[in-house]
Amino acid sequence: MFKKDNVFIGVALGLVLPGIAWFFVEILKKNVRFFEKDDLLYIGCIALNLIAVRYFFKYDKENTARGIVASTFVCAFIFFFYKVRQ
């Protein structure tokens, strides 16, 4: 009934993980002066997906990992357009 190796689950995970990390980055930027340069922090948010991709490929969840990779590209494009518009 519910397939655990699913591309849509991967897309959801790939968007939620950087979203949560982005939330914490915004809090850090307001409270810690050292983190005012946000470029590397946002790239780190996207890099969290690499950890998840490695985990899912290791445990043979290829479709879920592919969904995470697809959403990572979406996040990277959003970051690129964000930086171009600044």
C-alpha atoms as a PDB file:
ATOM      1  CA  MET A   1       0.000   0.000   0.000  1.00  0.00           C
ATOM      2  CA  PHE A   2       2.758   2.491   0.921  1.00  0.00           C
ATOM      3  CA  LYS A   3       6.023   2.238  -0.974  1.00  0.00           C
ATOM      4  CA  LYS A   4       8.979   3.407   1.134  1.00  0.00           C
ATOM      5  CA  ASP A   5      11.324   3.921  -1.839  1.00  0.00           C
ATOM      6  CA  ASN A   6       9.493   6.752  -3.571  1.00  0.00           C
ATOM      7  CA  VAL A   7      10.690   9.777  -5.557  1.00  0.00           C
ATOM      8  CA  PHE A   8       8.056  12.037  -4.000  1.00  0.00           C
ATOM      9  CA  ILE A   9       9.267  11.205  -0.505  1.00  0.00           C
ATOM     10  CA  GLY A  10      12.768  12.146  -1.640  1.00  0.00           C
ATOM     11  CA  VAL A  11      11.578  15.455  -3.078  1.00  0.00           C
ATOM     12  CA  ALA A  12       9.779  16.254   0.169  1.00  0.00           C
ATOM     13  CA  LEU A  13      12.841  15.366   2.264  1.00  0.00           C
ATOM     14  CA  GLY A  14      15.093  17.293  -0.080  1.00  0.00           C
ATOM     15  CA  LEU A  15      13.015  20.434   0.386  1.00  0.00           C
ATOM     16  CA  VAL A  16      12.307  20.083   4.096  1.00  0.00           C
ATOM     17  CA  LEU A  17      15.914  19.530   5.261  1.00  0.00           C
ATOM     18  CA  PRO A  18      17.298  22.744   3.700  1.00  0.00           C
ATOM     19  CA  GLY A  19      14.152  24.588   4.800  1.00  0.00           C
ATOM     20  CA  ILE A  20      14.744  23.721   8.424  1.00  0.00           C
ATOM     21  CA  ALA A  21      18.434  24.554   8.104  1.00  0.00           C
ATOM     22  CA  TRP A  22      17.573  27.879   6.430  1.00  0.00           C
ATOM     23  CA  PHE A  23      15.346  28.730   9.400  1.00  0.00           C
ATOM     24  CA  PHE A  24      18.253  28.164  11.805  1.00  0.00           C
ATOM     25  CA  VAL A  25      20.605  30.154   9.552  1.00  0.00           C
ATOM     26  CA  GLU A  26      18.247  33.131   9.715  1.00  0.00           C
ATOM     27  CA  ILE A  27      18.226  32.912  13.516  1.00  0.00           C
ATOM     28  CA  LEU A  28      22.034  32.684  13.608  1.00  0.00           C
ATOM     29  CA  LYS A  29      22.425  35.667  11.288  1.00  0.00           C
ATOM     30  CA  LYS A  30      20.397  37.851  13.631  1.00  0.00           C
ATOM     31  CA  ASN A  31      22.087  36.716  16.829  1.00  0.00           C
ATOM     32  CA  VAL A  32      25.733  36.044  15.901  1.00  0.00           C
ATOM     33  CA  ARG A  33      27.732  38.728  14.115  1.00  0.00           C
ATOM     34  CA  PHE A  34      30.220  36.202  12.717  1.00  0.00           C
ATOM     35  CA  PHE A  35      27.483  34.633  10.564  1.00  0.00           C
ATOM     36  CA  GLU A  36      26.448  37.806   8.740  1.00  0.00           C
ATOM     37  CA  LYS A  37      27.953  36.502   5.491  1.00  0.00           C
ATOM     38  CA  ASP A  38      25.276  34.062   4.512  1.00  0.00           C
ATOM     39  CA  ASP A  39      26.646  32.555   1.289  1.00  0.00           C
ATOM     40  CA  LEU A  40      28.423  29.611   2.849  1.00  0.00           C
ATOM     41  CA  LEU A  41      25.628  29.017   5.322  1.00  0.00           C
ATOM     42  CA  TYR A  42      23.080  28.691   2.528  1.00  0.00           C
ATOM     43  CA  ILE A  43      25.377  26.374   0.600  1.00  0.00           C
ATOM     44  CA  GLY A  44      25.637  24.340   3.794  1.00  0.00           C
ATOM     45  CA  CYS A  45      21.861  24.079   3.882  1.00  0.00           C
ATOM     46  CA  ILE A  46      21.930  22.559   0.422  1.00  0.00           C
ATOM     47  CA  ALA A  47      24.869  20.331   1.381  1.00  0.00           C
ATOM     48  CA  LEU A  48      22.680  18.654   4.012  1.00  0.00           C
ATOM     49  CA  ASN A  49      20.965  16.938   1.127  1.00  0.00           C
ATOM     50  CA  LEU A  50      24.253  15.288   0.171  1.00  0.00           C
ATOM     51  CA  ILE A  51      24.315  13.525   3.525  1.00  0.00           C
ATOM     52  CA  ALA A  52      20.760  12.319   2.999  1.00  0.00           C
ATOM     53  CA  VAL A  53      21.534  11.174  -0.576  1.00  0.00           C
ATOM     54  CA  ARG A  54      24.506   9.153   0.634  1.00  0.00           C
ATOM     55  CA  TYR A  55      22.376   7.538   3.335  1.00  0.00           C
ATOM     56  CA  PHE A  56      19.600   6.511   0.951  1.00  0.00           C
ATOM     57  CA  PHE A  57      21.975   5.193  -1.715  1.00  0.00           C
ATOM     58  CA  LYS A  58      23.782   3.181   0.973  1.00  0.00           C
ATOM     59  CA  TYR A  59      20.538   1.468   1.995  1.00  0.00           C
ATOM     60  CA  ASP A  60      19.359   0.870  -1.608  1.00  0.00           C
ATOM     61  CA  LYS A  61      16.613   3.481  -1.651  1.00  0.00           C
ATOM     62  CA  GLU A  62      17.551   4.767  -5.100  1.00  0.00           C
ATOM     63  CA  ASN A  63      14.234   6.426  -5.965  1.00  0.00           C
ATOM     64  CA  THR A  64      14.190   8.388  -2.727  1.00  0.00           C
ATOM     65  CA  ALA A  65      17.796   9.479  -3.328  1.00  0.00           C
ATOM     66  CA  ARG A  66      16.885  10.588  -6.859  1.00  0.00           C
ATOM     67  CA  GLY A  67      14.076  12.720  -5.456  1.00  0.00           C
ATOM     68  CA  ILE A  68      16.486  14.357  -3.033  1.00  0.00           C
ATOM     69  CA  VAL A  69      18.926  15.073  -5.873  1.00  0.00           C
ATOM     70  CA  ALA A  70      16.129  16.645  -7.934  1.00  0.00           C
ATOM     71  CA  SER A  71      15.073  18.896  -5.075  1.00  0.00           C
ATOM     72  CA  THR A  72      18.727  19.793  -4.434  1.00  0.00           C
ATOM     73  CA  PHE A  73      18.901  21.193  -7.957  1.00  0.00           C
ATOM     74  CA  VAL A  74      15.752  23.208  -7.263  1.00  0.00           C
ATOM     75  CA  CYS A  75      17.290  24.605  -4.070  1.00  0.00           C
ATOM     76  CA  ALA A  76      20.538  25.381  -5.894  1.00  0.00           C
ATOM     77  CA  PHE A  77      18.657  27.299  -8.609  1.00  0.00           C
ATOM     78  CA  ILE A  78      16.738  29.251  -5.973  1.00  0.00           C
ATOM     79  CA  PHE A  79      20.035  30.121  -4.251  1.00  0.00           C
ATOM     80  CA  PHE A  80      21.570  31.155  -7.594  1.00  0.00           C
ATOM     81  CA  PHE A  81      18.682  33.477  -8.481  1.00  0.00           C
ATOM     82  CA  TYR A  82      18.702  34.857  -4.939  1.00  0.00           C
ATOM     83  CA  LYS A  83      22.384  35.759  -5.258  1.00  0.00           C
ATOM     84  CA  VAL A  84      21.995  37.214  -8.774  1.00  0.00           C
ATOM     85  CA  ARG A  85      19.188  39.505  -7.676  1.00  0.00           C
ATOM     86  CA  GLN A  86      21.162  40.878  -4.708  1.00  0.00           C
END
